[in-house]
Amino acid sequence: MSLARARHGQTARLTLTGELTIYSVAETKAGLADAMRNADDLEVDLAGITEIDTAGLQLMLLAKRHPGKNVRFINHPASVLRLIDLAHLGSVLGDPLYLPASEPAARTP
């Protein structure tokens, strides 16, 4: 997992790349906590996430519920959208989720 930090005015932006799983969540949590110490408004770009598990989802929930901080997740890849949907947490996370209209139907021979 890699984290890139940027600042746009009062908003800090954290770009995550790689796996957000039990194996990397401690490192990611430390980077997220550091970014939250320095900004009340944080945007987390998930476009580079290649895999996520429930530990990653728990970290997302923890960040969203942090008092006094405005955390937004953007650019959700398909793997993150599937897990959010499976856990029925779209409304809890409260970020706009862009879902494809439909997936192509599988052909049967």
PDB file of N, CA and C in Angstrom:
ATOM      1  N   MET A   1       0.851  -1.169   0.000  1.00  0.00           N
ATOM      2  CA  MET A   1       0.000   0.000   0.000  1.00  0.00           C
ATOM      3  C   MET A   1       0.893   1.227   0.000  1.00  0.00           C
ATOM      4  N   SER A   2       0.560   2.161  -0.851  1.00  0.00           N
ATOM      5  CA  SER A   2       1.268   3.436  -0.828  1.00  0.00           C
ATOM      6  C   SER A   2       0.262   4.559  -0.635  1.00  0.00           C
ATOM      7  N   LEU A   3       0.720   5.610   0.007  1.00  0.00           N
ATOM      8  CA  LEU A   3      -0.104   6.776   0.278  1.00  0.00           C
ATOM      9  C   LEU A   3       0.596   8.005  -0.261  1.00  0.00           C
ATOM     10  N   ALA A   4      -0.145   8.813  -0.982  1.00  0.00           N
ATOM     11  CA  ALA A   4       0.386  10.087  -1.469  1.00  0.00           C
ATOM     12  C   ALA A   4      -0.465  11.194  -0.865  1.00  0.00           C
ATOM     13  N   ARG A   5       0.189  12.212  -0.364  1.00  0.00           N
ATOM     14  CA  ARG A   5      -0.514  13.325   0.271  1.00  0.00           C
ATOM     15  C   ARG A   5      -0.388  14.579  -0.587  1.00  0.00           C
ATOM     16  N   ALA A   6      -1.464  15.359  -0.587  1.00  0.00           N
ATOM     17  CA  ALA A   6      -1.470  16.654  -1.270  1.00  0.00           C
ATOM     18  C   ALA A   6      -2.394  17.574  -0.493  1.00  0.00           C
ATOM     19  N   ARG A   7      -2.279  18.835  -0.759  1.00  0.00           N
ATOM     20  CA  ARG A   7      -3.125  19.822  -0.083  1.00  0.00           C
ATOM     21  C   ARG A   7      -3.729  20.742  -1.133  1.00  0.00           C
ATOM     22  N   HIS A   8      -5.039  20.945  -1.046  1.00  0.00           N
ATOM     23  CA  HIS A   8      -5.751  21.861  -1.940  1.00  0.00           C
ATOM     24  C   HIS A   8      -6.514  22.841  -1.064  1.00  0.00           C
ATOM     25  N   GLY A   9      -5.921  23.971  -0.774  1.00  0.00           N
ATOM     26  CA  GLY A   9      -6.542  24.938   0.132  1.00  0.00           C
ATOM     27  C   GLY A   9      -6.625  24.355   1.530  1.00  0.00           C
ATOM     28  N   GLN A  10      -7.818  24.321   2.074  1.00  0.00           N
ATOM     29  CA  GLN A  10      -8.032  23.777   3.415  1.00  0.00           C
ATOM     30  C   GLN A  10      -8.252  22.264   3.410  1.00  0.00           C
ATOM     31  N   THR A  11      -8.341  21.669   2.222  1.00  0.00           N
ATOM     32  CA  THR A  11      -8.621  20.238   2.105  1.00  0.00           C
ATOM     33  C   THR A  11      -7.338  19.459   1.859  1.00  0.00           C
ATOM     34  N   ALA A  12      -7.137  18.436   2.675  1.00  0.00           N
ATOM     35  CA  ALA A  12      -6.021  17.517   2.459  1.00  0.00           C
ATOM     36  C   ALA A  12      -6.532  16.378   1.590  1.00  0.00           C
ATOM     37  N   ARG A  13      -5.676  15.904   0.702  1.00  0.00           N
ATOM     38  CA  ARG A  13      -6.060  14.795  -0.176  1.00  0.00           C
ATOM     39  C   ARG A  13      -5.064  13.663   0.021  1.00  0.00           C
ATOM     40  N   LEU A  14      -5.609  12.483   0.248  1.00  0.00           N
ATOM     41  CA  LEU A  14      -4.812  11.287   0.445  1.00  0.00           C
ATOM     42  C   LEU A  14      -5.174  10.319  -0.667  1.00  0.00           C
ATOM     43  N   THR A  15      -4.188   9.904  -1.450  1.00  0.00           N
ATOM     44  CA  THR A  15      -4.420   8.964  -2.543  1.00  0.00           C
ATOM     45  C   THR A  15      -3.834   7.618  -2.152  1.00  0.00           C
ATOM     46  N   LEU A  16      -4.688   6.602  -2.123  1.00  0.00           N
ATOM     47  CA  LEU A  16      -4.274   5.255  -1.736  1.00  0.00           C
ATOM     48  C   LEU A  16      -4.065   4.408  -2.981  1.00  0.00           C
ATOM     49  N   THR A  17      -2.998   3.618  -2.973  1.00  0.00           N
ATOM     50  CA  THR A  17      -2.695   2.735  -4.091  1.00  0.00           C
ATOM     51  C   THR A  17      -2.284   1.376  -3.544  1.00  0.00           C
ATOM     52  N   GLY A  18      -2.880   0.311  -4.087  1.00  0.00           N
ATOM     53  CA  GLY A  18      -2.530  -1.045  -3.676  1.00  0.00           C
ATOM     54  C   GLY A  18      -3.667  -1.706  -2.924  1.00  0.00           C
ATOM     55  N   GLU A  19      -3.315  -2.635  -2.059  1.00  0.00           N
ATOM     56  CA  GLU A  19      -4.306  -3.403  -1.305  1.00  0.00           C
ATOM     57  C   GLU A  19      -4.638  -2.705   0.008  1.00  0.00           C
ATOM     58  N   LEU A  20      -5.908  -2.656   0.321  1.00  0.00           N
ATOM     59  CA  LEU A  20      -6.377  -2.148   1.601  1.00  0.00           C
ATOM     60  C   LEU A  20      -6.965  -3.347   2.345  1.00  0.00           C
ATOM     61  N   THR A  21      -6.070  -4.149   2.889  1.00  0.00           N
ATOM     62  CA  THR A  21      -6.453  -5.404   3.530  1.00  0.00           C
ATOM     63  C   THR A  21      -5.856  -5.478   4.925  1.00  0.00           C
ATOM     64  N   ILE A  22      -6.136  -6.544   5.608  1.00  0.00           N
ATOM     65  CA  ILE A  22      -5.629  -6.747   6.955  1.00  0.00           C
ATOM     66  C   ILE A  22      -4.110  -6.640   7.013  1.00  0.00           C
ATOM     67  N   TYR A  23      -3.451  -6.941   5.912  1.00  0.00           N
ATOM     68  CA  TYR A  23      -1.991  -6.904   5.866  1.00  0.00           C
ATOM     69  C   TYR A  23      -1.423  -5.490   5.759  1.00  0.00           C
ATOM     70  N   SER A  24      -2.221  -4.540   5.314  1.00  0.00           N
ATOM     71  CA  SER A  24      -1.713  -3.181   5.116  1.00  0.00           C
ATOM     72  C   SER A  24      -2.492  -2.125   5.892  1.00  0.00           C
ATOM     73  N   VAL A  25      -3.544  -2.523   6.577  1.00  0.00           N
ATOM     74  CA  VAL A  25      -4.430  -1.535   7.191  1.00  0.00           C
ATOM     75  C   VAL A  25      -3.745  -0.757   8.326  1.00  0.00           C
ATOM     76  N   ALA A  26      -2.825  -1.362   9.057  1.00  0.00           N
ATOM     77  CA  ALA A  26      -2.146  -0.643  10.142  1.00  0.00           C
ATOM     78  C   ALA A  26      -1.321   0.517   9.578  1.00  0.00           C
ATOM     79  N   GLU A  27      -0.594   0.253   8.501  1.00  0.00           N
ATOM     80  CA  GLU A  27       0.193   1.302   7.851  1.00  0.00           C
ATOM     81  C   GLU A  27      -0.707   2.404   7.302  1.00  0.00           C
ATOM     82  N   THR A  28      -1.801   1.999   6.689  1.00  0.00           N
ATOM     83  CA  THR A  28      -2.738   2.964   6.116  1.00  0.00           C
ATOM     84  C   THR A  28      -3.391   3.788   7.213  1.00  0.00           C
ATOM     85  N   LYS A  29      -3.731   3.142   8.322  1.00  0.00           N
ATOM     86  CA  LYS A  29      -4.350   3.843   9.447  1.00  0.00           C
ATOM     87  C   LYS A  29      -3.415   4.919   9.985  1.00  0.00           C
ATOM     88  N   ALA A  30      -2.138   4.615  10.079  1.00  0.00           N
ATOM     89  CA  ALA A  30      -1.169   5.595  10.561  1.00  0.00           C
ATOM     90  C   ALA A  30      -1.090   6.796   9.620  1.00  0.00           C
ATOM     91  N   GLY A  31      -1.066   6.560   8.321  1.00  0.00           N
ATOM     92  CA  GLY A  31      -1.031   7.646   7.345  1.00  0.00           C
ATOM     93  C   GLY A  31      -2.305   8.475   7.365  1.00  0.00           C
ATOM     94  N   LEU A  32      -3.436   7.801   7.532  1.00  0.00           N
ATOM     95  CA  LEU A  32      -4.724   8.485   7.608  1.00  0.00           C
ATOM     96  C   LEU A  32      -4.794   9.344   8.871  1.00  0.00           C
ATOM     97  N   ALA A  33      -4.339   8.793  10.001  1.00  0.00           N
ATOM     98  CA  ALA A  33      -4.338   9.545  11.259  1.00  0.00           C
ATOM     99  C   ALA A  33      -3.460  10.784  11.159  1.00  0.00           C
ATOM    100  N   ASP A  34      -2.306  10.645  10.512  1.00  0.00           N
ATOM    101  CA  ASP A  34      -1.406  11.780  10.326  1.00  0.00           C
ATOM    102  C   ASP A  34      -2.074  12.867   9.486  1.00  0.00           C
ATOM    103  N   ALA A  35      -2.734  12.456   8.412  1.00  0.00           N
ATOM    104  CA  ALA A  35      -3.429  13.427   7.547  1.00  0.00           C
ATOM    105  C   ALA A  35      -4.566  14.109   8.302  1.00  0.00           C
ATOM    106  N   MET A  36      -5.259  13.363   9.159  1.00  0.00           N
ATOM    107  CA  MET A  36      -6.377  13.925   9.913  1.00  0.00           C
ATOM    108  C   MET A  36      -5.899  14.878  11.011  1.00  0.00           C
ATOM    109  N   ARG A  37      -4.698  14.679  11.516  1.00  0.00           N
ATOM    110  CA  ARG A  37      -4.151  15.604  12.520  1.00  0.00           C
ATOM    111  C   ARG A  37      -3.901  16.975  11.919  1.00  0.00           C
ATOM    112  N   ASN A  38      -3.605  17.008  10.639  1.00  0.00           N
ATOM    113  CA  ASN A  38      -3.222  18.259   9.981  1.00  0.00           C
ATOM    114  C   ASN A  38      -4.344  18.928   9.199  1.00  0.00           C
ATOM    115  N   ALA A  39      -5.522  18.295   9.153  1.00  0.00           N
ATOM    116  CA  ALA A  39      -6.635  18.887   8.396  1.00  0.00           C
ATOM    117  C   ALA A  39      -7.968  18.397   8.942  1.00  0.00           C
ATOM    118  N   ASP A  40      -8.953  19.289   8.958  1.00  0.00           N
ATOM    119  CA  ASP A  40     -10.298  18.902   9.374  1.00  0.00           C
ATOM    120  C   ASP A  40     -11.113  18.393   8.192  1.00  0.00           C
ATOM    121  N   ASP A  41     -10.677  18.722   6.985  1.00  0.00           N
ATOM    122  CA  ASP A  41     -11.371  18.333   5.760  1.00  0.00           C
ATOM    123  C   ASP A  41     -10.425  17.448   4.955  1.00  0.00           C
ATOM    124  N   LEU A  42     -10.809  16.188   4.764  1.00  0.00           N
ATOM    125  CA  LEU A  42      -9.934  15.216   4.108  1.00  0.00           C
ATOM    126  C   LEU A  42     -10.690  14.484   3.011  1.00  0.00           C
ATOM    127  N   GLU A  43     -10.049  14.397   1.856  1.00  0.00           N
ATOM    128  CA  GLU A  43     -10.588  13.675   0.710  1.00  0.00           C
ATOM    129  C   GLU A  43      -9.661  12.488   0.460  1.00  0.00           C
ATOM    130  N   VAL A  44     -10.229  11.270   0.423  1.00  0.00           N
ATOM    131  CA  VAL A  44      -9.434  10.063   0.235  1.00  0.00           C
ATOM    132  C   VAL A  44      -9.791   9.463  -1.122  1.00  0.00           C
ATOM    133  N   ASP A  45      -8.821   9.449  -2.028  1.00  0.00           N
ATOM    134  CA  ASP A  45      -9.003   8.927  -3.380  1.00  0.00           C
ATOM    135  C   ASP A  45      -8.710   7.432  -3.371  1.00  0.00           C
ATOM    136  N   LEU A  46      -9.718   6.625  -3.698  1.00  0.00           N
ATOM    137  CA  LEU A  46      -9.604   5.169  -3.661  1.00  0.00           C
ATOM    138  C   LEU A  46      -9.358   4.542  -5.029  1.00  0.00           C
ATOM    139  N   ALA A  47      -9.178   5.335  -6.062  1.00  0.00           N
ATOM    140  CA  ALA A  47      -9.073   4.802  -7.422  1.00  0.00           C
ATOM    141  C   ALA A  47      -7.974   3.757  -7.570  1.00  0.00           C
ATOM    142  N   GLY A  48      -6.912   3.865  -6.799  1.00  0.00           N
ATOM    143  CA  GLY A  48      -5.790   2.943  -6.930  1.00  0.00           C
ATOM    144  C   GLY A  48      -5.895   1.690  -6.079  1.00  0.00           C
ATOM    145  N   ILE A  49      -7.011   1.501  -5.390  1.00  0.00           N
ATOM    146  CA  ILE A  49      -7.180   0.309  -4.551  1.00  0.00           C
ATOM    147  C   ILE A  49      -7.416  -0.898  -5.456  1.00  0.00           C
ATOM    148  N   THR A  50      -6.574  -1.922  -5.296  1.00  0.00           N
ATOM    149  CA  THR A  50      -6.690  -3.128  -6.120  1.00  0.00           C
ATOM    150  C   THR A  50      -7.447  -4.244  -5.407  1.00  0.00           C
ATOM    151  N   GLU A  51      -7.462  -4.196  -4.078  1.00  0.00           N
ATOM    152  CA  GLU A  51      -8.156  -5.214  -3.294  1.00  0.00           C
ATOM    153  C   GLU A  51      -8.513  -4.617  -1.940  1.00  0.00           C
ATOM    154  N   ILE A  52      -9.672  -5.008  -1.420  1.00  0.00           N
ATOM    155  CA  ILE A  52     -10.109  -4.533  -0.104  1.00  0.00           C
ATOM    156  C   ILE A  52     -10.786  -5.688   0.616  1.00  0.00           C
ATOM    157  N   ASP A  53     -10.629  -5.721   1.936  1.00  0.00           N
ATOM    158  CA  ASP A  53     -11.343  -6.702   2.741  1.00  0.00           C
ATOM    159  C   ASP A  53     -12.052  -5.966   3.875  1.00  0.00           C
ATOM    160  N   THR A  54     -12.610  -6.715   4.821  1.00  0.00           N
ATOM    161  CA  THR A  54     -13.378  -6.065   5.884  1.00  0.00           C
ATOM    162  C   THR A  54     -12.511  -5.180   6.783  1.00  0.00           C
ATOM    163  N   ALA A  55     -11.228  -5.465   6.903  1.00  0.00           N
ATOM    164  CA  ALA A  55     -10.347  -4.593   7.678  1.00  0.00           C
ATOM    165  C   ALA A  55     -10.250  -3.224   7.012  1.00  0.00           C
ATOM    166  N   GLY A  56     -10.165  -3.192   5.699  1.00  0.00           N
ATOM    167  CA  GLY A  56     -10.148  -1.926   4.970  1.00  0.00           C
ATOM    168  C   GLY A  56     -11.461  -1.186   5.116  1.00  0.00           C
ATOM    169  N   LEU A  57     -12.559  -1.930   5.055  1.00  0.00           N
ATOM    170  CA  LEU A  57     -13.879  -1.323   5.222  1.00  0.00           C
ATOM    171  C   LEU A  57     -14.028  -0.751   6.633  1.00  0.00           C
ATOM    172  N   GLN A  58     -13.531  -1.454   7.624  1.00  0.00           N
ATOM    173  CA  GLN A  58     -13.586  -0.953   8.999  1.00  0.00           C
ATOM    174  C   GLN A  58     -12.797   0.350   9.140  1.00  0.00           C
ATOM    175  N   LEU A  59     -11.653   0.435   8.477  1.00  0.00           N
ATOM    176  CA  LEU A  59     -10.860   1.663   8.519  1.00  0.00           C
ATOM    177  C   LEU A  59     -11.638   2.819   7.894  1.00  0.00           C
ATOM    178  N   MET A  60     -12.326   2.550   6.795  1.00  0.00           N
ATOM    179  CA  MET A  60     -13.140   3.585   6.167  1.00  0.00           C
ATOM    180  C   MET A  60     -14.230   4.072   7.125  1.00  0.00           C
ATOM    181  N   LEU A  61     -14.896   3.135   7.802  1.00  0.00           N
ATOM    182  CA  LEU A  61     -15.947   3.501   8.751  1.00  0.00           C
ATOM    183  C   LEU A  61     -15.379   4.301   9.924  1.00  0.00           C
ATOM    184  N   LEU A  62     -14.230   3.890  10.418  1.00  0.00           N
ATOM    185  CA  LEU A  62     -13.580   4.592  11.519  1.00  0.00           C
ATOM    186  C   LEU A  62     -13.273   6.036  11.131  1.00  0.00           C
ATOM    187  N   ALA A  63     -12.751   6.227   9.935  1.00  0.00           N
ATOM    188  CA  ALA A  63     -12.427   7.573   9.466  1.00  0.00           C
ATOM    189  C   ALA A  63     -13.682   8.436   9.342  1.00  0.00           C
ATOM    190  N   LYS A  64     -14.754   7.875   8.804  1.00  0.00           N
ATOM    191  CA  LYS A  64     -15.992   8.635   8.610  1.00  0.00           C
ATOM    192  C   LYS A  64     -16.604   9.074   9.936  1.00  0.00           C
ATOM    193  N   ARG A  65     -16.375   8.299  10.980  1.00  0.00           N
ATOM    194  CA  ARG A  65     -17.001   8.591  12.275  1.00  0.00           C
ATOM    195  C   ARG A  65     -16.105   9.400  13.207  1.00  0.00           C
ATOM    196  N   HIS A  66     -14.977   9.848  12.723  1.00  0.00           N
ATOM    197  CA  HIS A  66     -14.054  10.607  13.562  1.00  0.00           C
ATOM    198  C   HIS A  66     -14.667  11.971  13.872  1.00  0.00           C
ATOM    199  N   PRO A  67     -14.837  12.298  15.159  1.00  0.00           N
ATOM    200  CA  PRO A  67     -15.484  13.566  15.521  1.00  0.00           C
ATOM    201  C   PRO A  67     -14.686  14.784  15.040  1.00  0.00           C
ATOM    202  N   GLY A  68     -15.410  15.751  14.523  1.00  0.00           N
ATOM    203  CA  GLY A  68     -14.801  17.010  14.106  1.00  0.00           C
ATOM    204  C   GLY A  68     -14.083  16.972  12.771  1.00  0.00           C
ATOM    205  N   LYS A  69     -14.127  15.847  12.079  1.00  0.00           N
ATOM    206  CA  LYS A  69     -13.450  15.714  10.796  1.00  0.00           C
ATOM    207  C   LYS A  69     -14.476  15.433   9.702  1.00  0.00           C
ATOM    208  N   ASN A  70     -14.233  16.017   8.538  1.00  0.00           N
ATOM    209  CA  ASN A  70     -15.063  15.760   7.371  1.00  0.00           C
ATOM    210  C   ASN A  70     -14.232  14.917   6.402  1.00  0.00           C
ATOM    211  N   VAL A  71     -14.533  13.621   6.336  1.00  0.00           N
ATOM    212  CA  VAL A  71     -13.778  12.700   5.493  1.00  0.00           C
ATOM    213  C   VAL A  71     -14.681  12.243   4.353  1.00  0.00           C
ATOM    214  N   ARG A  72     -14.191  12.412   3.123  1.00  0.00           N
ATOM    215  CA  ARG A  72     -14.931  11.975   1.933  1.00  0.00           C
ATOM    216  C   ARG A  72     -14.079  10.978   1.166  1.00  0.00           C
ATOM    217  N   PHE A  73     -14.702   9.893   0.749  1.00  0.00           N
ATOM    218  CA  PHE A  73     -14.038   8.914  -0.105  1.00  0.00           C
ATOM    219  C   PHE A  73     -14.524   9.145  -1.528  1.00  0.00           C
ATOM    220  N   ILE A  74     -13.575   9.173  -2.467  1.00  0.00           N
ATOM    221  CA  ILE A  74     -13.928   9.436  -3.862  1.00  0.00           C
ATOM    222  C   ILE A  74     -13.299   8.375  -4.760  1.00  0.00           C
ATOM    223  N   ASN A  75     -13.792   8.296  -5.975  1.00  0.00           N
ATOM    224  CA  ASN A  75     -13.259   7.408  -7.020  1.00  0.00           C
ATOM    225  C   ASN A  75     -13.204   5.946  -6.579  1.00  0.00           C
ATOM    226  N   HIS A  76     -14.322   5.457  -6.077  1.00  0.00           N
ATOM    227  CA  HIS A  76     -14.412   4.078  -5.609  1.00  0.00           C
ATOM    228  C   HIS A  76     -14.240   3.097  -6.772  1.00  0.00           C
ATOM    229  N   PRO A  77     -13.242   2.207  -6.716  1.00  0.00           N
ATOM    230  CA  PRO A  77     -13.128   1.180  -7.758  1.00  0.00           C
ATOM    231  C   PRO A  77     -14.168   0.083  -7.535  1.00  0.00           C
ATOM    232  N   ALA A  78     -14.328  -0.775  -8.515  1.00  0.00           N
ATOM    233  CA  ALA A  78     -15.353  -1.829  -8.457  1.00  0.00           C
ATOM    234  C   ALA A  78     -15.211  -2.711  -7.221  1.00  0.00           C
ATOM    235  N   SER A  79     -13.988  -3.054  -6.830  1.00  0.00           N
ATOM    236  CA  SER A  79     -13.795  -3.924  -5.673  1.00  0.00           C
ATOM    237  C   SER A  79     -14.335  -3.280  -4.396  1.00  0.00           C
ATOM    238  N   VAL A  80     -14.152  -1.987  -4.239  1.00  0.00           N
ATOM    239  CA  VAL A  80     -14.655  -1.284  -3.061  1.00  0.00           C
ATOM    240  C   VAL A  80     -16.178  -1.188  -3.132  1.00  0.00           C
ATOM    241  N   LEU A  81     -16.717  -0.879  -4.299  1.00  0.00           N
ATOM    242  CA  LEU A  81     -18.171  -0.792  -4.449  1.00  0.00           C
ATOM    243  C   LEU A  81     -18.855  -2.116  -4.125  1.00  0.00           C
ATOM    244  N   ARG A  82     -18.249  -3.223  -4.577  1.00  0.00           N
ATOM    245  CA  ARG A  82     -18.843  -4.544  -4.294  1.00  0.00           C
ATOM    246  C   ARG A  82     -18.897  -4.808  -2.793  1.00  0.00           C
ATOM    247  N   LEU A  83     -17.825  -4.498  -2.078  1.00  0.00           N
ATOM    248  CA  LEU A  83     -17.806  -4.751  -0.640  1.00  0.00           C
ATOM    249  C   LEU A  83     -18.778  -3.839   0.100  1.00  0.00           C
ATOM    250  N   ILE A  84     -18.842  -2.582  -0.282  1.00  0.00           N
ATOM    251  CA  ILE A  84     -19.796  -1.658   0.339  1.00  0.00           C
ATOM    252  C   ILE A  84     -21.218  -2.152   0.114  1.00  0.00           C
ATOM    253  N   ASP A  85     -21.507  -2.610  -1.099  1.00  0.00           N
ATOM    254  CA  ASP A  85     -22.827  -3.133  -1.417  1.00  0.00           C
ATOM    255  C   ASP A  85     -23.121  -4.409  -0.628  1.00  0.00           C
ATOM    256  N   LEU A  86     -22.174  -5.314  -0.574  1.00  0.00           N
ATOM    257  CA  LEU A  86     -22.345  -6.568   0.160  1.00  0.00           C
ATOM    258  C   LEU A  86     -22.627  -6.313   1.640  1.00  0.00           C
ATOM    259  N   ALA A  87     -21.961  -5.320   2.212  1.00  0.00           N
ATOM    260  CA  ALA A  87     -22.131  -5.000   3.629  1.00  0.00           C
ATOM    261  C   ALA A  87     -23.293  -4.038   3.884  1.00  0.00           C
ATOM    262  N   HIS A  88     -23.959  -3.576   2.828  1.00  0.00           N
ATOM    263  CA  HIS A  88     -25.079  -2.630   2.933  1.00  0.00           C
ATOM    264  C   HIS A  88     -24.659  -1.367   3.698  1.00  0.00           C
ATOM    265  N   LEU A  89     -23.510  -0.813   3.349  1.00  0.00           N
ATOM    266  CA  LEU A  89     -22.980   0.349   4.060  1.00  0.00           C
ATOM    267  C   LEU A  89     -22.905   1.612   3.205  1.00  0.00           C
ATOM    268  N   GLY A  90     -23.528   1.597   2.051  1.00  0.00           N
ATOM    269  CA  GLY A  90     -23.490   2.777   1.184  1.00  0.00           C
ATOM    270  C   GLY A  90     -24.040   4.014   1.865  1.00  0.00           C
ATOM    271  N   SER A  91     -25.158   3.885   2.555  1.00  0.00           N
ATOM    272  CA  SER A  91     -25.751   5.052   3.217  1.00  0.00           C
ATOM    273  C   SER A  91     -24.974   5.446   4.467  1.00  0.00           C
ATOM    274  N   VAL A  92     -24.324   4.498   5.110  1.00  0.00           N
ATOM    275  CA  VAL A  92     -23.545   4.799   6.313  1.00  0.00           C
ATOM    276  C   VAL A  92     -22.304   5.612   5.955  1.00  0.00           C
ATOM    277  N   LEU A  93     -21.646   5.244   4.869  1.00  0.00           N
ATOM    278  CA  LEU A  93     -20.455   5.972   4.448  1.00  0.00           C
ATOM    279  C   LEU A  93     -20.828   7.348   3.915  1.00  0.00           C
ATOM    280  N   GLY A  94     -22.002   7.466   3.294  1.00  0.00           N
ATOM    281  CA  GLY A  94     -22.533   8.759   2.914  1.00  0.00           C
ATOM    282  C   GLY A  94     -21.847   9.466   1.768  1.00  0.00           C
ATOM    283  N   ASP A  95     -20.970   8.807   1.043  1.00  0.00           N
ATOM    284  CA  ASP A  95     -20.298   9.426  -0.093  1.00  0.00           C
ATOM    285  C   ASP A  95     -21.036   9.063  -1.373  1.00  0.00           C
ATOM    286  N   PRO A  96     -20.994   9.929  -2.379  1.00  0.00           N
ATOM    287  CA  PRO A  96     -21.610   9.566  -3.656  1.00  0.00           C
ATOM    288  C   PRO A  96     -20.909   8.341  -4.246  1.00  0.00           C
ATOM    289  N   LEU A  97     -21.687   7.340  -4.605  1.00  0.00           N
ATOM    290  CA  LEU A  97     -21.151   6.130  -5.210  1.00  0.00           C
ATOM    291  C   LEU A  97     -21.662   6.060  -6.635  1.00  0.00           C
ATOM    292  N   TYR A  98     -20.756   5.902  -7.557  1.00  0.00           N
ATOM    293  CA  TYR A  98     -21.139   5.830  -8.963  1.00  0.00           C
ATOM    294  C   TYR A  98     -21.131   4.376  -9.388  1.00  0.00           C
ATOM    295  N   LEU A  99     -22.324   3.831  -9.570  1.00  0.00           N
ATOM    296  CA  LEU A  99     -22.479   2.433  -9.916  1.00  0.00           C
ATOM    297  C   LEU A  99     -22.755   2.292 -11.405  1.00  0.00           C
ATOM    298  N   PRO A 100     -22.197   1.256 -12.036  1.00  0.00           N
ATOM    299  CA  PRO A 100     -22.517   1.038 -13.448  1.00  0.00           C
ATOM    300  C   PRO A 100     -23.994   0.682 -13.589  1.00  0.00           C
ATOM    301  N   ALA A 101     -24.582   1.050 -14.729  1.00  0.00           N
ATOM    302  CA  ALA A 101     -25.995   0.776 -14.956  1.00  0.00           C
ATOM    303  C   ALA A 101     -26.281  -0.716 -14.865  1.00  0.00           C
ATOM    304  N   SER A 102     -25.434  -1.533 -15.446  1.00  0.00           N
ATOM    305  CA  SER A 102     -25.574  -2.982 -15.343  1.00  0.00           C
ATOM    306  C   SER A 102     -24.321  -3.629 -15.894  1.00  0.00           C
ATOM    307  N   GLU A 103     -24.122  -4.860 -15.477  1.00  0.00           N
ATOM    308  CA  GLU A 103     -23.006  -5.619 -16.019  1.00  0.00           C
ATOM    309  C   GLU A 103     -23.543  -6.492 -17.140  1.00  0.00           C
ATOM    310  N   PRO A 104     -22.730  -6.764 -18.149  1.00  0.00           N
ATOM    311  CA  PRO A 104     -23.208  -7.599 -19.249  1.00  0.00           C
ATOM    312  C   PRO A 104     -23.622  -8.968 -18.724  1.00  0.00           C
ATOM    313  N   ALA A 105     -24.709  -9.477 -19.246  1.00  0.00           N
ATOM    314  CA  ALA A 105     -25.189 -10.794 -18.843  1.00  0.00           C
ATOM    315  C   ALA A 105     -24.249 -11.877 -19.367  1.00  0.00           C
ATOM    316  N   ALA A 106     -24.040 -12.885 -18.544  1.00  0.00           N
ATOM    317  CA  ALA A 106     -23.166 -13.992 -18.941  1.00  0.00           C
ATOM    318  C   ALA A 106     -23.902 -14.844 -19.996  1.00  0.00           C
ATOM    319  N   ARG A 107     -23.166 -15.243 -21.003  1.00  0.00           N
ATOM    320  CA  ARG A 107     -23.773 -16.082 -22.057  1.00  0.00           C
ATOM    321  C   ARG A 107     -23.657 -17.544 -21.664  1.00  0.00           C
ATOM    322  N   THR A 108     -24.701 -18.266 -21.907  1.00  0.00           N
ATOM    323  CA  THR A 108     -24.668 -19.705 -21.685  1.00  0.00           C
ATOM    324  C   THR A 108     -24.653 -20.413 -23.030  1.00  0.00           C
ATOM    325  N   PRO A 109     -23.795 -21.418 -23.160  1.00  0.00           N
ATOM    326  CA  PRO A 109     -23.708 -22.093 -24.462  1.00  0.00           C
ATOM    327  C   PRO A 109     -24.931 -22.907 -24.788  1.00  0.00           C
TER     328      PRO A 109
END
